[in-house]
Amino acid sequence: MMKKIKRKYPTYQTLYPLFSKAIMLRDKYRCRICGGIGTEAAHIFGKQSHPDIALYLPNGLWLCAKCHTLDSNSVHENPDRFKAWFFKHIGPEYWYDLRFEIPPYKNTLEARKYLKDAIAEYEKENAKTYIPSYLIRDR
């Protein structure tokens, strides 16, 4: 019988749900593009092309499925349109600076603490704000 190997550090796949929850709470359940009910976290710079900032919260946006992947003008289907929207609403400086930022963690163990601390802070902040129940999904 094979012995199960216990990992010393969490993997990206195990931390993505924390990243997603933190982005959802930060953006208060709303799609950052259309303002509708958001359903998923999206990376500004993809996790394959920029793995060093894949779990860095400034690299995430909460989006609805239509704006993220389903529509012909979605982030994935039309990246140039997304970049134009981003420049107009968030700013080109943020876009260019984000690629060179150094996250406040050095490994996935530190990243897990960073994400859990952010979730706790956003939950505390959101407790002071009314959020309609139809926007809240248990994750």
C-alpha atoms as a PDB file:
ATOM      1  CA  MET A   1       0.000   0.000   0.000  1.00  0.00           C
ATOM      2  CA  MET A   2       1.370   3.407  -0.972  1.00  0.00           C
ATOM      3  CA  LYS A   3       1.993   5.909   1.765  1.00  0.00           C
ATOM      4  CA  LYS A   4       0.291   9.266   1.306  1.00  0.00           C
ATOM      5  CA  ILE A   5       2.798  12.100   1.095  1.00  0.00           C
ATOM      6  CA  LYS A   6       1.986  15.085   3.270  1.00  0.00           C
ATOM      7  CA  ARG A   7       2.987  18.378   1.653  1.00  0.00           C
ATOM      8  CA  LYS A   8       4.941  20.907   3.656  1.00  0.00           C
ATOM      9  CA  TYR A   9       3.502  23.828   1.710  1.00  0.00           C
ATOM     10  CA  PRO A  10      -0.009  24.270   0.313  1.00  0.00           C
ATOM     11  CA  THR A  11      -0.285  24.240  -3.465  1.00  0.00           C
ATOM     12  CA  TYR A  12      -1.717  27.002  -5.617  1.00  0.00           C
ATOM     13  CA  GLN A  13      -4.802  24.861  -6.255  1.00  0.00           C
ATOM     14  CA  THR A  14      -5.527  24.616  -2.527  1.00  0.00           C
ATOM     15  CA  LEU A  15      -5.103  28.390  -2.081  1.00  0.00           C
ATOM     16  CA  TYR A  16      -7.213  29.508  -5.047  1.00  0.00           C
ATOM     17  CA  PRO A  17     -10.513  29.225  -3.084  1.00  0.00           C
ATOM     18  CA  LEU A  18      -9.054  31.603  -0.466  1.00  0.00           C
ATOM     19  CA  PHE A  19      -7.948  34.014  -3.222  1.00  0.00           C
ATOM     20  CA  SER A  20     -11.424  33.842  -4.740  1.00  0.00           C
ATOM     21  CA  LYS A  21     -13.190  34.443  -1.410  1.00  0.00           C
ATOM     22  CA  ALA A  22     -10.952  37.406  -0.573  1.00  0.00           C
ATOM     23  CA  ILE A  23     -11.622  39.001  -3.990  1.00  0.00           C
ATOM     24  CA  MET A  24     -15.376  38.383  -3.603  1.00  0.00           C
ATOM     25  CA  LEU A  25     -15.461  40.040  -0.178  1.00  0.00           C
ATOM     26  CA  ARG A  26     -13.236  42.932  -1.234  1.00  0.00           C
ATOM     27  CA  ASP A  27     -15.424  43.709  -4.269  1.00  0.00           C
ATOM     28  CA  LYS A  28     -18.614  43.174  -2.231  1.00  0.00           C
ATOM     29  CA  TYR A  29     -20.035  40.451  -4.508  1.00  0.00           C
ATOM     30  CA  ARG A  30     -20.360  42.830  -7.486  1.00  0.00           C
ATOM     31  CA  CYS A  31     -18.899  42.397 -10.972  1.00  0.00           C
ATOM     32  CA  ARG A  32     -16.255  45.104 -11.360  1.00  0.00           C
ATOM     33  CA  ILE A  33     -17.072  45.541 -15.055  1.00  0.00           C
ATOM     34  CA  CYS A  34     -20.876  45.596 -15.348  1.00  0.00           C
ATOM     35  CA  GLY A  35     -21.894  46.025 -11.694  1.00  0.00           C
ATOM     36  CA  GLY A  36     -24.076  42.901 -11.757  1.00  0.00           C
ATOM     37  CA  ILE A  37     -23.870  39.977  -9.385  1.00  0.00           C
ATOM     38  CA  GLY A  38     -20.375  38.571  -9.594  1.00  0.00           C
ATOM     39  CA  THR A  39     -19.741  34.841  -9.625  1.00  0.00           C
ATOM     40  CA  GLU A  40     -15.998  34.297 -10.019  1.00  0.00           C
ATOM     41  CA  ALA A  41     -12.547  35.701  -9.404  1.00  0.00           C
ATOM     42  CA  ALA A  42     -10.441  36.690 -12.393  1.00  0.00           C
ATOM     43  CA  HIS A  43      -6.768  37.519 -12.654  1.00  0.00           C
ATOM     44  CA  ILE A  44      -5.694  40.761 -14.293  1.00  0.00           C
ATOM     45  CA  PHE A  45      -2.457  39.039 -15.270  1.00  0.00           C
ATOM     46  CA  GLY A  46      -2.915  35.304 -15.719  1.00  0.00           C
ATOM     47  CA  LYS A  47      -1.539  32.762 -13.308  1.00  0.00           C
ATOM     48  CA  GLN A  48       0.470  31.009 -16.032  1.00  0.00           C
ATOM     49  CA  SER A  49       2.128  34.153 -17.362  1.00  0.00           C
ATOM     50  CA  HIS A  50       2.653  35.772 -13.920  1.00  0.00           C
ATOM     51  CA  PRO A  51       2.736  32.970 -11.294  1.00  0.00           C
ATOM     52  CA  ASP A  52       4.546  35.191  -8.781  1.00  0.00           C
ATOM     53  CA  ILE A  53       1.457  37.435  -8.418  1.00  0.00           C
ATOM     54  CA  ALA A  54      -1.197  34.738  -8.950  1.00  0.00           C
ATOM     55  CA  LEU A  55      -2.339  34.940  -5.310  1.00  0.00           C
ATOM     56  CA  TYR A  56      -1.697  38.665  -4.889  1.00  0.00           C
ATOM     57  CA  LEU A  57      -5.044  40.383  -4.247  1.00  0.00           C
ATOM     58  CA  PRO A  58      -4.363  43.534  -6.314  1.00  0.00           C
ATOM     59  CA  ASN A  59      -4.106  41.132  -9.293  1.00  0.00           C
ATOM     60  CA  GLY A  60      -7.729  39.998  -8.910  1.00  0.00           C
ATOM     61  CA  LEU A  61     -11.179  41.239  -9.871  1.00  0.00           C
ATOM     62  CA  TRP A  62     -14.592  39.801  -9.005  1.00  0.00           C
ATOM     63  CA  LEU A  63     -16.595  39.326 -12.224  1.00  0.00           C
ATOM     64  CA  CYS A  64     -19.823  37.806 -13.430  1.00  0.00           C
ATOM     65  CA  ALA A  65     -19.539  34.794 -15.750  1.00  0.00           C
ATOM     66  CA  LYS A  66     -20.612  36.881 -18.754  1.00  0.00           C
ATOM     67  CA  CYS A  67     -17.880  39.480 -18.320  1.00  0.00           C
ATOM     68  CA  HIS A  68     -15.261  36.878 -17.426  1.00  0.00           C
ATOM     69  CA  THR A  69     -15.676  34.161 -20.050  1.00  0.00           C
ATOM     70  CA  LEU A  70     -19.064  33.853 -21.729  1.00  0.00           C
ATOM     71  CA  ASP A  71     -19.598  36.992 -23.790  1.00  0.00           C
ATOM     72  CA  SER A  72     -17.796  37.843 -27.038  1.00  0.00           C
ATOM     73  CA  ASN A  73     -16.553  40.970 -25.257  1.00  0.00           C
ATOM     74  CA  SER A  74     -15.443  39.050 -22.162  1.00  0.00           C
ATOM     75  CA  VAL A  75     -11.998  39.297 -20.571  1.00  0.00           C
ATOM     76  CA  HIS A  76     -10.860  36.049 -22.186  1.00  0.00           C
ATOM     77  CA  GLU A  77     -12.507  36.509 -25.576  1.00  0.00           C
ATOM     78  CA  ASN A  78     -11.502  40.136 -26.056  1.00  0.00           C
ATOM     79  CA  PRO A  79      -8.421  40.994 -23.945  1.00  0.00           C
ATOM     80  CA  ASP A  80      -7.842  44.270 -25.812  1.00  0.00           C
ATOM     81  CA  ARG A  81     -11.286  45.515 -24.850  1.00  0.00           C
ATOM     82  CA  PHE A  82     -10.642  44.497 -21.231  1.00  0.00           C
ATOM     83  CA  LYS A  83      -7.340  46.381 -21.259  1.00  0.00           C
ATOM     84  CA  ALA A  84      -9.107  49.499 -22.637  1.00  0.00           C
ATOM     85  CA  TRP A  85     -11.791  49.215 -19.920  1.00  0.00           C
ATOM     86  CA  PHE A  86      -9.095  48.756 -17.275  1.00  0.00           C
ATOM     87  CA  PHE A  87      -7.126  51.796 -18.451  1.00  0.00           C
ATOM     88  CA  LYS A  88     -10.271  53.942 -18.433  1.00  0.00           C
ATOM     89  CA  HIS A  89     -11.687  52.835 -15.064  1.00  0.00           C
ATOM     90  CA  ILE A  90      -8.648  51.833 -13.027  1.00  0.00           C
ATOM     91  CA  GLY A  91      -5.719  53.400 -14.833  1.00  0.00           C
ATOM     92  CA  PRO A  92      -2.689  52.487 -16.935  1.00  0.00           C
ATOM     93  CA  GLU A  93      -0.292  53.141 -14.056  1.00  0.00           C
ATOM     94  CA  TYR A  94      -1.892  50.366 -12.008  1.00  0.00           C
ATOM     95  CA  TRP A  95      -1.695  48.010 -15.017  1.00  0.00           C
ATOM     96  CA  TYR A  96       1.998  48.606 -15.624  1.00  0.00           C
ATOM     97  CA  ASP A  97       3.051  48.776 -11.962  1.00  0.00           C
ATOM     98  CA  LEU A  98       1.218  45.577 -10.999  1.00  0.00           C
ATOM     99  CA  ARG A  99       3.426  43.417 -13.219  1.00  0.00           C
ATOM    100  CA  PHE A 100       6.501  44.442 -11.246  1.00  0.00           C
ATOM    101  CA  GLU A 101       5.123  44.472  -7.708  1.00  0.00           C
ATOM    102  CA  ILE A 102       6.544  42.052  -5.186  1.00  0.00           C
ATOM    103  CA  PRO A 103       3.819  40.300  -3.181  1.00  0.00           C
ATOM    104  CA  PRO A 104       4.056  40.403   0.634  1.00  0.00           C
ATOM    105  CA  TYR A 105       4.662  36.637   0.802  1.00  0.00           C
ATOM    106  CA  LYS A 106       7.597  34.461  -0.237  1.00  0.00           C
ATOM    107  CA  ASN A 107       5.969  31.025  -0.390  1.00  0.00           C
ATOM    108  CA  THR A 108       2.524  29.437  -0.380  1.00  0.00           C
ATOM    109  CA  LEU A 109       2.553  29.044   3.400  1.00  0.00           C
ATOM    110  CA  GLU A 110       2.948  32.804   3.793  1.00  0.00           C
ATOM    111  CA  ALA A 111       0.423  33.333   0.979  1.00  0.00           C
ATOM    112  CA  ARG A 112      -2.188  31.325   2.904  1.00  0.00           C
ATOM    113  CA  LYS A 113      -1.703  33.566   5.972  1.00  0.00           C
ATOM    114  CA  TYR A 114      -1.840  36.681   3.750  1.00  0.00           C
ATOM    115  CA  LEU A 115      -5.149  35.530   2.201  1.00  0.00           C
ATOM    116  CA  LYS A 116      -6.728  34.466   5.509  1.00  0.00           C
ATOM    117  CA  ASP A 117      -5.777  37.801   7.108  1.00  0.00           C
ATOM    118  CA  ALA A 118      -7.302  39.670   4.158  1.00  0.00           C
ATOM    119  CA  ILE A 119     -10.520  37.630   4.386  1.00  0.00           C
ATOM    120  CA  ALA A 120     -10.823  38.407   8.101  1.00  0.00           C
ATOM    121  CA  GLU A 121     -10.290  42.118   7.422  1.00  0.00           C
ATOM    122  CA  TYR A 122     -12.845  42.212   4.573  1.00  0.00           C
ATOM    123  CA  GLU A 123     -15.400  40.283   6.645  1.00  0.00           C
ATOM    124  CA  LYS A 124     -14.976  42.780   9.481  1.00  0.00           C
ATOM    125  CA  GLU A 125     -15.312  45.679   7.027  1.00  0.00           C
ATOM    126  CA  ASN A 126     -18.377  44.141   5.324  1.00  0.00           C
ATOM    127  CA  ALA A 127     -20.086  43.586   8.685  1.00  0.00           C
ATOM    128  CA  LYS A 128     -20.473  47.380   8.857  1.00  0.00           C
ATOM    129  CA  THR A 129     -21.998  47.542   5.365  1.00  0.00           C
ATOM    130  CA  TYR A 130     -25.420  46.308   4.293  1.00  0.00           C
ATOM    131  CA  ILE A 131     -25.106  43.710   1.554  1.00  0.00           C
ATOM    132  CA  PRO A 132     -28.388  42.344   0.127  1.00  0.00           C
ATOM    133  CA  SER A 133     -28.828  38.637   0.875  1.00  0.00           C
ATOM    134  CA  TYR A 134     -29.277  37.756  -2.813  1.00  0.00           C
ATOM    135  CA  LEU A 135     -25.670  38.787  -3.407  1.00  0.00           C
ATOM    136  CA  ILE A 136     -24.263  36.490  -0.751  1.00  0.00           C
ATOM    137  CA  ARG A 137     -23.345  32.976  -1.754  1.00  0.00           C
ATOM    138  CA  ASP A 138     -21.823  30.508   0.652  1.00  0.00           C
ATOM    139  CA  ARG A 139     -18.371  29.650  -0.714  1.00  0.00           C
END
